[in-house]
Each structure stands twice: as structure tokens, then as C-alpha cells.
Amino acid sequence: MADVLTLPGVSELKFRDPAQARALAAALARVATEIGRSVSVMHVCGSHEQSIAKFGLRSLFPKTLNVIMGPGCPVCVTDVPEVDEAVVLAQDGKIVATYGDMLKVPGTAKSLADAQAEGARIEIVYSASQAVEVARDTTEDVVFFASGFETTAVATAAVVLGDPPPNFSVLSAHKYIPPVMEIVAEMPGTKIEGFLAAGHAATITGSKIFERFVAKHGIPVVVAGFEPLDILAGLVKLVELVRDGTPRVVNMFPRCVTPEGNRNAQAQLWKVFRTTGGRWRGIAHVPNGNLRLRDEFTAVDARRRYAIDLKRLWTHAPSSLGAATPST
């Protein structure tokens, strides 16, 4: 049978061509039929799910293919204490700069939107560098409440290394994807037979980062982009690997992702950040799943720079003390 990469037009830059989409959907159905049973795979990126929903791709999936939404939204998995820290800093008079989708994420008692309604100053920014500009334009303390996976963590690292003004600090809620894939793979009774990995994160880390995971768990990983044809082609390749029983890493996003990734970006990322364990909202404690500033950057680490009294938000005892304890 022809490999998915040999289908007409797949290698061309026509990512929303209906004829190509139908050809890929037919290939996906054919491979699923050859397997002859239900197959469950998981994507680990909210951008994949957004595209799947936007373009109605689930209507093209065979009934025997279950594409599960994984822990792919860094905003959704930002834990309650991390939001509480930002709320407390805002209540204490700090200007909190953050991305717009963090504004209404609930904490124990309040969101940043609630704090803003009570008079706290929240600045919505579109980049880490814009947060630095907010700090340069004032003498007051500005805390960048930073969220996102490896892709946006690199941007945060760049501004930390870029000599930010002394009134600027970072409250990191950044997450690191590979450890949570381990959690899913090791869950008792897991039926996930393959992972569709996020192309933008792999642009930084490279596709080779998944090789150890595949070797350990015997589960294939396909790196895919975010256009409709990217996702369909990635799923065809992933289901082919399941059919053939050949767990390996395949990069279906070669126009952006290389095996080694962006080594300069990786150097900046790991110069500034270290991994530590912490809870991901709605999932579990994820060892090494959080990114926190290294000791060398204490001066710009909001957690070390300020006394953040979370207890004042806990008007009711939290349901789980563990869940209400911020990771360091």
C-alpha cells in the first residue's frame, strides 16, 4: 500500500484543499478497516483540537477511530494556587501583565478578572516582550504571569536574559509536555495506542525528544502541524504505525520541525528554567511538568521576590491541601 506521504499533493503547500482532505480521509478509513477494531489515539495540543473543531474534521474520522483530547491547553491546566499567586500580587498593588486567556481562569476564590473588577491593575499583553515594555513605561512593579508550553517559555526566557528593567519579574506557570505524556502512558488500563504531538512545541524541542518515550512505552508518536491536511496526514501515519505494530517517531511537520529542534532556543530555555513537579488542573501531579526559574534568576522570580500570602484567599478550606499548595 502507498505510504501517506506519497498521496498526490500531500507534500505541496495546499493545506486546506478539499480534494486532498477527502483523499486523506479515505486513506484513514482504509487503514482503520485493515486494523479491524477500535483504536484510540490522543493529541496533546489544544491547537489541534481547535483545528479539528473549526474545520469539522471529526466528521471525517472513521467510527472505529477515537481521537481523544489530551492535556493540551496550558491555560486549562494552570492550577488553582498558580492563579491565586497572581491574584494576591495584583491585590498587593503589583501590575500583573498576562495573556488574555488567563484573565478568567478561576482560582480558589477569584480570577484575575475578579481582582481587576475590584481595582487591581491587569495588563493584557500579546508577548513576553510587551510585558517588558509595560515595565519600562512605569516605575511601579510589573509581574508577568507567564503561561504556555515550551514554545512560549522560550520567549519568556529570552526576555529574562535580555536585561529587563529592575521593576520587572516573572511568575511562571509554564508547563513542559513530555512528562505528562508519561503520566498518560502509565495510567492503569490506558488504551492510548498513539500520540499526535504538537508541531509548535517540537519546533523548539525537536522530534527526537520523543524517541526515549517510544522506546520505553512502545507507543508511536507522530509530530503534526495544525492545518486540516496536517492533522489528517498525521493521523493517517499514526494509524498506519498502529496497524503495522511499528512504534517509532515520525515527523509529519518537516517544514518547521527538525530532529534536533532549535538548539539556540533550547539553550536559552534551559539556562533560565528548571523542571519541577506540580499539579496540572484536572489531571494529576506531574513530575517535572512545571517550568520554574533557576536560582540564578532569583532577582526576576516573583515567587522569591515577594511574600505571597495565599491563605488570605482561602476563606473556605480547600478540598485538597495538596492541590492548594503551589509547587516551587
C-alpha atoms as a PDB file:
ATOM      1  CA  MET A   1       0.000   0.000   0.000  1.00  0.00           C
ATOM      2  CA  ALA A   2       1.198   3.513  -0.762  1.00  0.00           C
ATOM      3  CA  ASP A   3       2.570   5.454   2.166  1.00  0.00           C
ATOM      4  CA  VAL A   4       0.587   8.518   3.201  1.00  0.00           C
ATOM      5  CA  LEU A   5       3.472  10.732   2.096  1.00  0.00           C
ATOM      6  CA  THR A   6       3.071   9.522  -1.489  1.00  0.00           C
ATOM      7  CA  LEU A   7      -0.561  10.583  -1.806  1.00  0.00           C
ATOM      8  CA  PRO A   8      -0.967  13.218  -4.545  1.00  0.00           C
ATOM      9  CA  GLY A   9      -0.410  16.734  -3.307  1.00  0.00           C
ATOM     10  CA  VAL A  10       0.278  15.889   0.337  1.00  0.00           C
ATOM     11  CA  SER A  11       3.770  17.363   0.160  1.00  0.00           C
ATOM     12  CA  GLU A  12       2.520  20.529  -1.524  1.00  0.00           C
ATOM     13  CA  LEU A  13       1.673  23.646   0.427  1.00  0.00           C
ATOM     14  CA  LYS A  14      -2.089  23.296  -0.046  1.00  0.00           C
ATOM     15  CA  PHE A  15      -3.236  22.743   3.490  1.00  0.00           C
ATOM     16  CA  ARG A  16      -6.985  23.261   3.025  1.00  0.00           C
ATOM     17  CA  ASP A  17      -7.610  21.600  -0.320  1.00  0.00           C
ATOM     18  CA  PRO A  18     -10.924  19.670  -0.138  1.00  0.00           C
ATOM     19  CA  ALA A  19      -9.856  17.022  -2.660  1.00  0.00           C
ATOM     20  CA  GLN A  20      -6.711  16.259  -0.692  1.00  0.00           C
ATOM     21  CA  ALA A  21      -8.729  16.171   2.523  1.00  0.00           C
ATOM     22  CA  ARG A  22     -11.101  13.613   1.001  1.00  0.00           C
ATOM     23  CA  ALA A  23      -8.154  11.518  -0.173  1.00  0.00           C
ATOM     24  CA  LEU A  24      -6.624  11.541   3.292  1.00  0.00           C
ATOM     25  CA  ALA A  25      -9.966  10.748   4.922  1.00  0.00           C
ATOM     26  CA  ALA A  26     -10.344   7.771   2.567  1.00  0.00           C
ATOM     27  CA  ALA A  27      -6.836   6.604   3.432  1.00  0.00           C
ATOM     28  CA  LEU A  28      -7.626   6.937   7.138  1.00  0.00           C
ATOM     29  CA  ALA A  29     -10.808   4.886   6.736  1.00  0.00           C
ATOM     30  CA  ARG A  30      -8.958   2.236   4.725  1.00  0.00           C
ATOM     31  CA  VAL A  31      -6.238   1.791   7.343  1.00  0.00           C
ATOM     32  CA  ALA A  32      -8.795   1.714  10.162  1.00  0.00           C
ATOM     33  CA  THR A  33     -10.701  -1.012   8.308  1.00  0.00           C
ATOM     34  CA  GLU A  34      -7.499  -3.017   7.883  1.00  0.00           C
ATOM     35  CA  ILE A  35      -6.962  -2.907  11.652  1.00  0.00           C
ATOM     36  CA  GLY A  36     -10.440  -4.273  12.153  1.00  0.00           C
ATOM     37  CA  ARG A  37     -11.078  -2.993  15.677  1.00  0.00           C
ATOM     38  CA  SER A  38     -11.431   0.246  17.577  1.00  0.00           C
ATOM     39  CA  VAL A  39      -8.278   2.327  18.022  1.00  0.00           C
ATOM     40  CA  SER A  40      -7.779   5.177  20.495  1.00  0.00           C
ATOM     41  CA  VAL A  41      -5.123   7.834  19.925  1.00  0.00           C
ATOM     42  CA  MET A  42      -4.537  11.127  21.720  1.00  0.00           C
ATOM     43  CA  HIS A  43      -3.449  14.567  20.635  1.00  0.00           C
ATOM     44  CA  VAL A  44      -1.670  16.645  23.273  1.00  0.00           C
ATOM     45  CA  CYS A  45      -2.289  20.119  21.943  1.00  0.00           C
ATOM     46  CA  GLY A  46      -5.283  22.391  22.263  1.00  0.00           C
ATOM     47  CA  SER A  47      -4.431  23.914  18.894  1.00  0.00           C
ATOM     48  CA  HIS A  48      -5.011  20.509  17.292  1.00  0.00           C
ATOM     49  CA  GLU A  49      -8.436  20.270  18.888  1.00  0.00           C
ATOM     50  CA  GLN A  50      -9.240  23.829  17.838  1.00  0.00           C
ATOM     51  CA  SER A  51      -8.481  22.991  14.218  1.00  0.00           C
ATOM     52  CA  ILE A  52     -10.355  19.688  14.416  1.00  0.00           C
ATOM     53  CA  ALA A  53     -13.430  21.534  15.655  1.00  0.00           C
ATOM     54  CA  LYS A  54     -13.072  24.556  13.366  1.00  0.00           C
ATOM     55  CA  PHE A  55     -12.817  22.504  10.196  1.00  0.00           C
ATOM     56  CA  GLY A  56     -15.231  19.736  11.212  1.00  0.00           C
ATOM     57  CA  LEU A  57     -12.573  17.056  10.903  1.00  0.00           C
ATOM     58  CA  ARG A  58     -14.254  14.631  13.311  1.00  0.00           C
ATOM     59  CA  SER A  59     -16.950  14.092  10.696  1.00  0.00           C
ATOM     60  CA  LEU A  60     -14.215  12.583   8.505  1.00  0.00           C
ATOM     61  CA  PHE A  61     -12.844  10.191  11.126  1.00  0.00           C
ATOM     62  CA  PRO A  62     -13.885   6.541  10.856  1.00  0.00           C
ATOM     63  CA  LYS A  63     -16.202   5.384  13.628  1.00  0.00           C
ATOM     64  CA  THR A  64     -13.578   2.947  14.870  1.00  0.00           C
ATOM     65  CA  LEU A  65     -11.024   5.739  15.422  1.00  0.00           C
ATOM     66  CA  ASN A  66     -11.284   7.546  18.742  1.00  0.00           C
ATOM     67  CA  VAL A  67      -9.204  10.745  18.757  1.00  0.00           C
ATOM     68  CA  ILE A  68      -9.038  11.778  22.401  1.00  0.00           C
ATOM     69  CA  MET A  69      -8.383  15.317  23.569  1.00  0.00           C
ATOM     70  CA  GLY A  70      -5.296  15.262  25.752  1.00  0.00           C
ATOM     71  CA  PRO A  71      -3.850  17.713  28.288  1.00  0.00           C
ATOM     72  CA  GLY A  72      -3.029  20.169  25.556  1.00  0.00           C
ATOM     73  CA  CYS A  73      -4.086  23.587  26.847  1.00  0.00           C
ATOM     74  CA  PRO A  74      -1.601  25.251  29.209  1.00  0.00           C
ATOM     75  CA  VAL A  75      -4.277  27.700  30.333  1.00  0.00           C
ATOM     76  CA  CYS A  76      -6.699  24.905  31.240  1.00  0.00           C
ATOM     77  CA  VAL A  77      -4.109  23.014  33.289  1.00  0.00           C
ATOM     78  CA  THR A  78      -2.858  26.074  35.186  1.00  0.00           C
ATOM     79  CA  ASP A  79      -3.560  25.031  38.750  1.00  0.00           C
ATOM     80  CA  VAL A  80      -5.575  26.941  41.341  1.00  0.00           C
ATOM     81  CA  PRO A  81      -2.611  28.050  43.505  1.00  0.00           C
ATOM     82  CA  GLU A  82      -0.835  29.500  40.478  1.00  0.00           C
ATOM     83  CA  VAL A  83      -3.846  31.701  39.743  1.00  0.00           C
ATOM     84  CA  ASP A  84      -4.084  32.556  43.452  1.00  0.00           C
ATOM     85  CA  GLU A  85      -0.488  33.779  43.417  1.00  0.00           C
ATOM     86  CA  ALA A  86      -1.235  36.162  40.559  1.00  0.00           C
ATOM     87  CA  VAL A  87      -4.417  37.389  42.268  1.00  0.00           C
ATOM     88  CA  VAL A  88      -2.578  38.081  45.538  1.00  0.00           C
ATOM     89  CA  LEU A  89       0.168  40.002  43.756  1.00  0.00           C
ATOM     90  CA  ALA A  90      -2.448  42.077  41.945  1.00  0.00           C
ATOM     91  CA  GLN A  91      -4.270  42.758  45.209  1.00  0.00           C
ATOM     92  CA  ASP A  92      -0.961  43.839  46.740  1.00  0.00           C
ATOM     93  CA  GLY A  93      -0.647  46.602  44.176  1.00  0.00           C
ATOM     94  CA  LYS A  94       1.575  44.979  41.575  1.00  0.00           C
ATOM     95  CA  ILE A  95       0.714  45.475  37.920  1.00  0.00           C
ATOM     96  CA  VAL A  96       0.097  41.966  36.593  1.00  0.00           C
ATOM     97  CA  ALA A  97       0.720  41.545  32.877  1.00  0.00           C
ATOM     98  CA  THR A  98      -0.564  38.349  31.304  1.00  0.00           C
ATOM     99  CA  TYR A  99      -2.140  36.825  28.224  1.00  0.00           C
ATOM    100  CA  GLY A 100      -5.835  37.461  27.722  1.00  0.00           C
ATOM    101  CA  ASP A 101      -6.904  33.849  28.078  1.00  0.00           C
ATOM    102  CA  MET A 102      -5.566  33.799  31.658  1.00  0.00           C
ATOM    103  CA  LEU A 103      -7.894  36.588  32.763  1.00  0.00           C
ATOM    104  CA  LYS A 104     -10.924  34.479  33.719  1.00  0.00           C
ATOM    105  CA  VAL A 105      -9.202  31.271  34.850  1.00  0.00           C
ATOM    106  CA  PRO A 106     -10.610  30.647  38.345  1.00  0.00           C
ATOM    107  CA  GLY A 107      -8.511  30.474  41.468  1.00  0.00           C
ATOM    108  CA  THR A 108      -9.623  29.392  44.923  1.00  0.00           C
ATOM    109  CA  ALA A 109     -11.903  32.381  45.363  1.00  0.00           C
ATOM    110  CA  LYS A 110     -11.214  34.775  42.498  1.00  0.00           C
ATOM    111  CA  SER A 111      -9.881  35.114  38.992  1.00  0.00           C
ATOM    112  CA  LEU A 112      -7.715  37.950  37.731  1.00  0.00           C
ATOM    113  CA  ALA A 113     -10.860  39.386  36.147  1.00  0.00           C
ATOM    114  CA  ASP A 114     -12.459  39.491  39.606  1.00  0.00           C
ATOM    115  CA  ALA A 115      -9.397  41.209  41.035  1.00  0.00           C
ATOM    116  CA  GLN A 116      -9.463  43.686  38.165  1.00  0.00           C
ATOM    117  CA  ALA A 117     -13.115  44.465  38.841  1.00  0.00           C
ATOM    118  CA  GLU A 118     -12.118  45.300  42.424  1.00  0.00           C
ATOM    119  CA  GLY A 119      -9.478  47.764  41.281  1.00  0.00           C
ATOM    120  CA  ALA A 120      -6.377  45.662  40.639  1.00  0.00           C
ATOM    121  CA  ARG A 121      -4.340  46.591  37.592  1.00  0.00           C
ATOM    122  CA  ILE A 122      -4.171  43.842  34.999  1.00  0.00           C
ATOM    123  CA  GLU A 123      -2.461  44.467  31.665  1.00  0.00           C
ATOM    124  CA  ILE A 124      -3.309  42.152  28.775  1.00  0.00           C
ATOM    125  CA  VAL A 125      -0.250  41.518  26.599  1.00  0.00           C
ATOM    126  CA  TYR A 126       0.375  39.515  23.451  1.00  0.00           C
ATOM    127  CA  SER A 127       4.016  38.645  24.096  1.00  0.00           C
ATOM    128  CA  ALA A 128       6.623  38.458  26.818  1.00  0.00           C
ATOM    129  CA  SER A 129       8.441  41.392  25.252  1.00  0.00           C
ATOM    130  CA  GLN A 130       5.292  43.510  25.515  1.00  0.00           C
ATOM    131  CA  ALA A 131       5.190  42.747  29.248  1.00  0.00           C
ATOM    132  CA  VAL A 132       8.729  44.115  29.491  1.00  0.00           C
ATOM    133  CA  GLU A 133       7.614  47.278  27.684  1.00  0.00           C
ATOM    134  CA  VAL A 134       4.828  47.713  30.253  1.00  0.00           C
ATOM    135  CA  ALA A 135       7.535  47.641  32.940  1.00  0.00           C
ATOM    136  CA  ARG A 136       9.746  50.107  31.067  1.00  0.00           C
ATOM    137  CA  ASP A 137       6.874  52.585  30.891  1.00  0.00           C
ATOM    138  CA  THR A 138       6.402  52.783  34.668  1.00  0.00           C
ATOM    139  CA  THR A 139       8.364  52.871  37.895  1.00  0.00           C
ATOM    140  CA  GLU A 140       5.867  50.536  39.573  1.00  0.00           C
ATOM    141  CA  ASP A 141       6.447  46.812  39.922  1.00  0.00           C
ATOM    142  CA  VAL A 142       5.234  44.720  36.992  1.00  0.00           C
ATOM    143  CA  VAL A 143       4.784  40.939  37.296  1.00  0.00           C
ATOM    144  CA  PHE A 144       4.488  38.922  34.097  1.00  0.00           C
ATOM    145  CA  PHE A 145       2.180  35.977  34.808  1.00  0.00           C
ATOM    146  CA  ALA A 146       3.679  33.690  32.163  1.00  0.00           C
ATOM    147  CA  SER A 147       1.844  30.656  30.814  1.00  0.00           C
ATOM    148  CA  GLY A 148       2.275  28.236  27.938  1.00  0.00           C
ATOM    149  CA  PHE A 149       4.308  25.228  26.902  1.00  0.00           C
ATOM    150  CA  GLU A 150       7.879  25.125  25.630  1.00  0.00           C
ATOM    151  CA  THR A 151       7.116  27.443  22.724  1.00  0.00           C
ATOM    152  CA  THR A 152       6.114  30.440  24.837  1.00  0.00           C
ATOM    153  CA  ALA A 153       8.517  29.539  27.655  1.00  0.00           C
ATOM    154  CA  VAL A 154      11.373  30.244  25.238  1.00  0.00           C
ATOM    155  CA  ALA A 155      10.012  33.756  24.697  1.00  0.00           C
ATOM    156  CA  THR A 156       9.901  34.274  28.462  1.00  0.00           C
ATOM    157  CA  ALA A 157      13.465  33.009  28.768  1.00  0.00           C
ATOM    158  CA  ALA A 158      14.575  35.452  26.092  1.00  0.00           C
ATOM    159  CA  VAL A 159      13.247  38.482  27.960  1.00  0.00           C
ATOM    160  CA  VAL A 160      14.748  37.268  31.248  1.00  0.00           C
ATOM    161  CA  LEU A 161      18.135  37.055  29.524  1.00  0.00           C
ATOM    162  CA  GLY A 162      17.583  40.372  27.777  1.00  0.00           C
ATOM    163  CA  ASP A 163      18.331  42.672  30.737  1.00  0.00           C
ATOM    164  CA  PRO A 164      14.760  43.556  31.748  1.00  0.00           C
ATOM    165  CA  PRO A 165      14.172  46.656  33.916  1.00  0.00           C
ATOM    166  CA  PRO A 166      14.562  46.218  37.690  1.00  0.00           C
ATOM    167  CA  ASN A 167      10.811  46.582  38.309  1.00  0.00           C
ATOM    168  CA  PHE A 168      10.056  43.530  36.114  1.00  0.00           C
ATOM    169  CA  SER A 169       9.588  39.979  37.404  1.00  0.00           C
ATOM    170  CA  VAL A 170       8.117  36.693  36.209  1.00  0.00           C
ATOM    171  CA  LEU A 171       5.512  34.473  37.840  1.00  0.00           C
ATOM    172  CA  SER A 172       5.969  31.290  35.818  1.00  0.00           C
ATOM    173  CA  ALA A 173       3.062  28.963  35.152  1.00  0.00           C
ATOM    174  CA  HIS A 174       4.849  27.427  32.157  1.00  0.00           C
ATOM    175  CA  LYS A 175       4.375  23.698  31.549  1.00  0.00           C
ATOM    176  CA  TYR A 176       6.525  21.031  29.905  1.00  0.00           C
ATOM    177  CA  ILE A 177       4.732  18.481  27.690  1.00  0.00           C
ATOM    178  CA  PRO A 178       6.868  15.272  27.664  1.00  0.00           C
ATOM    179  CA  PRO A 179       6.302  14.377  31.357  1.00  0.00           C
ATOM    180  CA  VAL A 180       2.510  14.470  31.054  1.00  0.00           C
ATOM    181  CA  MET A 181       2.677  12.052  28.125  1.00  0.00           C
ATOM    182  CA  GLU A 182       4.456   9.687  30.525  1.00  0.00           C
ATOM    183  CA  ILE A 183       1.603  10.085  33.011  1.00  0.00           C
ATOM    184  CA  VAL A 184      -0.994   9.175  30.376  1.00  0.00           C
ATOM    185  CA  ALA A 185       1.010   6.208  29.102  1.00  0.00           C
ATOM    186  CA  GLU A 186       1.483   4.835  32.632  1.00  0.00           C
ATOM    187  CA  MET A 187      -2.122   5.173  33.762  1.00  0.00           C
ATOM    188  CA  PRO A 188      -3.557   1.761  34.718  1.00  0.00           C
ATOM    189  CA  GLY A 189      -5.712   0.408  31.932  1.00  0.00           C
ATOM    190  CA  THR A 190      -4.726   3.091  29.449  1.00  0.00           C
ATOM    191  CA  LYS A 191      -5.902   2.307  25.937  1.00  0.00           C
ATOM    192  CA  ILE A 192      -3.983   5.033  24.124  1.00  0.00           C
ATOM    193  CA  GLU A 193      -2.179   3.420  21.179  1.00  0.00           C
ATOM    194  CA  GLY A 194      -0.553   6.507  19.700  1.00  0.00           C
ATOM    195  CA  PHE A 195       0.119  10.198  20.279  1.00  0.00           C
ATOM    196  CA  LEU A 196      -0.217  13.141  17.909  1.00  0.00           C
ATOM    197  CA  ALA A 197       2.431  15.548  19.182  1.00  0.00           C
ATOM    198  CA  ALA A 198       2.304  19.323  18.916  1.00  0.00           C
ATOM    199  CA  GLY A 199       4.244  20.732  15.993  1.00  0.00           C
ATOM    200  CA  HIS A 200       4.950  24.122  17.525  1.00  0.00           C
ATOM    201  CA  ALA A 201       6.454  22.683  20.731  1.00  0.00           C
ATOM    202  CA  ALA A 202       8.507  20.228  18.665  1.00  0.00           C
ATOM    203  CA  THR A 203       9.823  23.169  16.642  1.00  0.00           C
ATOM    204  CA  ILE A 204      11.710  24.044  19.824  1.00  0.00           C
ATOM    205  CA  THR A 205      12.454  20.596  21.265  1.00  0.00           C
ATOM    206  CA  GLY A 206      12.906  18.658  18.030  1.00  0.00           C
ATOM    207  CA  SER A 207      11.181  15.388  17.191  1.00  0.00           C
ATOM    208  CA  LYS A 208      13.979  13.251  18.673  1.00  0.00           C
ATOM    209  CA  ILE A 209      12.848  14.174  22.167  1.00  0.00           C
ATOM    210  CA  PHE A 210      10.051  11.584  21.812  1.00  0.00           C
ATOM    211  CA  GLU A 211      12.345   8.674  20.915  1.00  0.00           C
ATOM    212  CA  ARG A 212      13.011   7.685  24.527  1.00  0.00           C
ATOM    213  CA  PHE A 213       9.267   7.746  25.248  1.00  0.00           C
ATOM    214  CA  VAL A 214       8.549   5.480  22.266  1.00  0.00           C
ATOM    215  CA  ALA A 215      11.318   3.075  23.247  1.00  0.00           C
ATOM    216  CA  LYS A 216      10.056   2.903  26.835  1.00  0.00           C
ATOM    217  CA  HIS A 217       6.337   2.511  26.176  1.00  0.00           C
ATOM    218  CA  GLY A 218       6.163   1.015  22.686  1.00  0.00           C
ATOM    219  CA  ILE A 219       3.655   3.688  21.629  1.00  0.00           C
ATOM    220  CA  PRO A 220       4.164   5.580  18.340  1.00  0.00           C
ATOM    221  CA  VAL A 221       4.364   9.373  18.232  1.00  0.00           C
ATOM    222  CA  VAL A 222       3.657  11.467  15.144  1.00  0.00           C
ATOM    223  CA  VAL A 223       4.506  15.169  15.133  1.00  0.00           C
ATOM    224  CA  ALA A 224       1.884  17.119  13.205  1.00  0.00           C
ATOM    225  CA  GLY A 225       1.090  20.698  12.260  1.00  0.00           C
ATOM    226  CA  PHE A 226      -2.230  22.459  12.645  1.00  0.00           C
ATOM    227  CA  GLU A 227      -3.761  22.903   9.219  1.00  0.00           C
ATOM    228  CA  PRO A 228      -6.531  20.440   8.294  1.00  0.00           C
ATOM    229  CA  LEU A 229      -4.295  18.429   5.973  1.00  0.00           C
ATOM    230  CA  ASP A 230      -1.504  18.420   8.568  1.00  0.00           C
ATOM    231  CA  ILE A 231      -3.812  16.789  11.087  1.00  0.00           C
ATOM    232  CA  LEU A 232      -5.348  14.300   8.670  1.00  0.00           C
ATOM    233  CA  ALA A 233      -1.958  13.261   7.283  1.00  0.00           C
ATOM    234  CA  GLY A 234      -0.597  12.934  10.820  1.00  0.00           C
ATOM    235  CA  LEU A 235      -3.489  10.708  11.838  1.00  0.00           C
ATOM    236  CA  VAL A 236      -3.131   8.507   8.756  1.00  0.00           C
ATOM    237  CA  LYS A 237       0.548   7.970   9.563  1.00  0.00           C
ATOM    238  CA  LEU A 238      -0.200   7.342  13.240  1.00  0.00           C
ATOM    239  CA  VAL A 239      -2.870   4.745  12.477  1.00  0.00           C
ATOM    240  CA  GLU A 240      -0.550   3.100   9.934  1.00  0.00           C
ATOM    241  CA  LEU A 241       2.048   2.704  12.700  1.00  0.00           C
ATOM    242  CA  VAL A 242      -0.595   1.153  14.962  1.00  0.00           C
ATOM    243  CA  ARG A 243      -1.673  -1.201  12.169  1.00  0.00           C
ATOM    244  CA  ASP A 244       1.887  -2.289  11.445  1.00  0.00           C
ATOM    245  CA  GLY A 245       2.894  -2.621  15.090  1.00  0.00           C
ATOM    246  CA  THR A 246       5.925  -0.405  14.487  1.00  0.00           C
ATOM    247  CA  PRO A 247       6.210   2.115  17.313  1.00  0.00           C
ATOM    248  CA  ARG A 248       8.503   4.945  16.261  1.00  0.00           C
ATOM    249  CA  VAL A 249       8.657   8.717  15.961  1.00  0.00           C
ATOM    250  CA  VAL A 250       7.587  10.204  12.635  1.00  0.00           C
ATOM    251  CA  ASN A 251       7.857  13.904  11.848  1.00  0.00           C
ATOM    252  CA  MET A 252       4.942  14.935   9.631  1.00  0.00           C
ATOM    253  CA  PHE A 253       5.694  18.634  10.115  1.00  0.00           C
ATOM    254  CA  PRO A 254       9.126  18.842   8.446  1.00  0.00           C
ATOM    255  CA  ARG A 255       8.592  22.361   7.129  1.00  0.00           C
ATOM    256  CA  CYS A 256       9.006  23.559  10.729  1.00  0.00           C
ATOM    257  CA  VAL A 257      10.318  20.673  12.836  1.00  0.00           C
ATOM    258  CA  THR A 258      13.751  19.056  12.645  1.00  0.00           C
ATOM    259  CA  PRO A 259      15.020  16.084  14.648  1.00  0.00           C
ATOM    260  CA  GLU A 260      17.243  18.309  16.802  1.00  0.00           C
ATOM    261  CA  GLY A 261      14.917  21.296  17.075  1.00  0.00           C
ATOM    262  CA  ASN A 262      16.031  24.851  17.690  1.00  0.00           C
ATOM    263  CA  ARG A 263      19.191  24.399  19.710  1.00  0.00           C
ATOM    264  CA  ASN A 264      19.664  28.103  20.395  1.00  0.00           C
ATOM    265  CA  ALA A 265      16.145  28.293  21.805  1.00  0.00           C
ATOM    266  CA  GLN A 266      16.723  25.147  23.875  1.00  0.00           C
ATOM    267  CA  ALA A 267      19.904  26.657  25.310  1.00  0.00           C
ATOM    268  CA  GLN A 268      18.004  29.758  26.393  1.00  0.00           C
ATOM    269  CA  LEU A 269      15.107  27.723  27.765  1.00  0.00           C
ATOM    270  CA  TRP A 270      17.248  25.523  29.992  1.00  0.00           C
ATOM    271  CA  LYS A 271      19.562  28.352  31.021  1.00  0.00           C
ATOM    272  CA  VAL A 272      16.594  30.154  32.565  1.00  0.00           C
ATOM    273  CA  PHE A 273      14.221  27.333  33.580  1.00  0.00           C
ATOM    274  CA  ARG A 274      14.363  24.092  35.530  1.00  0.00           C
ATOM    275  CA  THR A 275      11.684  21.420  35.718  1.00  0.00           C
ATOM    276  CA  THR A 276       9.819  20.674  38.904  1.00  0.00           C
ATOM    277  CA  GLY A 277       6.805  18.632  39.843  1.00  0.00           C
ATOM    278  CA  GLY A 278       3.374  20.160  40.259  1.00  0.00           C
ATOM    279  CA  ARG A 279      -0.330  19.602  39.788  1.00  0.00           C
ATOM    280  CA  TRP A 280      -1.934  20.158  36.420  1.00  0.00           C
ATOM    281  CA  ARG A 281      -5.525  21.214  36.941  1.00  0.00           C
ATOM    282  CA  GLY A 282      -7.931  18.366  36.310  1.00  0.00           C
ATOM    283  CA  ILE A 283      -5.183  15.805  35.695  1.00  0.00           C
ATOM    284  CA  ALA A 284      -2.706  14.861  38.402  1.00  0.00           C
ATOM    285  CA  HIS A 285       0.607  15.700  39.960  1.00  0.00           C
ATOM    286  CA  VAL A 286       3.039  15.689  37.025  1.00  0.00           C
ATOM    287  CA  PRO A 287       6.687  15.078  37.951  1.00  0.00           C
ATOM    288  CA  ASN A 288       8.908  17.554  36.097  1.00  0.00           C
ATOM    289  CA  GLY A 289       5.849  19.017  34.402  1.00  0.00           C
ATOM    290  CA  ASN A 290       6.262  22.627  35.576  1.00  0.00           C
ATOM    291  CA  LEU A 291       8.921  25.110  34.498  1.00  0.00           C
ATOM    292  CA  ARG A 292      10.314  27.383  37.214  1.00  0.00           C
ATOM    293  CA  LEU A 293      13.113  29.950  37.162  1.00  0.00           C
ATOM    294  CA  ARG A 294      16.558  28.760  38.170  1.00  0.00           C
ATOM    295  CA  ASP A 295      18.288  30.082  41.291  1.00  0.00           C
ATOM    296  CA  GLU A 296      20.480  32.369  39.206  1.00  0.00           C
ATOM    297  CA  PHE A 297      17.393  34.392  38.300  1.00  0.00           C
ATOM    298  CA  THR A 298      16.033  34.956  41.799  1.00  0.00           C
ATOM    299  CA  ALA A 299      16.007  38.707  41.161  1.00  0.00           C
ATOM    300  CA  VAL A 300      13.311  38.322  38.497  1.00  0.00           C
ATOM    301  CA  ASP A 301      11.416  35.446  40.150  1.00  0.00           C
ATOM    302  CA  ALA A 302       8.205  36.868  41.614  1.00  0.00           C
ATOM    303  CA  ARG A 303       7.828  33.882  43.943  1.00  0.00           C
ATOM    304  CA  ARG A 304      11.127  34.701  45.614  1.00  0.00           C
ATOM    305  CA  ARG A 305      10.961  38.444  45.286  1.00  0.00           C
ATOM    306  CA  TYR A 306       7.630  38.914  47.050  1.00  0.00           C
ATOM    307  CA  ALA A 307       5.879  37.430  50.074  1.00  0.00           C
ATOM    308  CA  ILE A 308       2.768  35.879  48.526  1.00  0.00           C
ATOM    309  CA  ASP A 309       0.209  35.122  51.234  1.00  0.00           C
ATOM    310  CA  LEU A 310      -2.220  32.680  49.645  1.00  0.00           C
ATOM    311  CA  LYS A 311      -4.017  31.829  52.891  1.00  0.00           C
ATOM    312  CA  ARG A 312      -5.963  35.043  52.851  1.00  0.00           C
ATOM    313  CA  LEU A 313      -7.825  33.792  49.764  1.00  0.00           C
ATOM    314  CA  TRP A 314      -8.789  30.539  51.426  1.00  0.00           C
ATOM    315  CA  THR A 315     -11.999  31.695  53.075  1.00  0.00           C
ATOM    316  CA  HIS A 316     -13.072  28.046  52.897  1.00  0.00           C
ATOM    317  CA  ALA A 317     -10.777  25.097  53.443  1.00  0.00           C
ATOM    318  CA  PRO A 318      -9.600  23.778  50.085  1.00  0.00           C
ATOM    319  CA  SER A 319     -10.864  20.330  49.148  1.00  0.00           C
ATOM    320  CA  SER A 320      -7.309  19.064  48.965  1.00  0.00           C
ATOM    321  CA  LEU A 321      -4.418  20.717  50.788  1.00  0.00           C
ATOM    322  CA  GLY A 322      -2.101  19.130  48.253  1.00  0.00           C
ATOM    323  CA  ALA A 323      -3.949  20.755  45.408  1.00  0.00           C
ATOM    324  CA  ALA A 324      -3.751  24.120  47.147  1.00  0.00           C
ATOM    325  CA  THR A 325      -0.029  24.062  47.717  1.00  0.00           C
ATOM    326  CA  PRO A 326       1.947  25.788  44.969  1.00  0.00           C
ATOM    327  CA  SER A 327       4.937  23.994  43.540  1.00  0.00           C
ATOM    328  CA  THR A 328       8.285  25.732  43.784  1.00  0.00           C
END
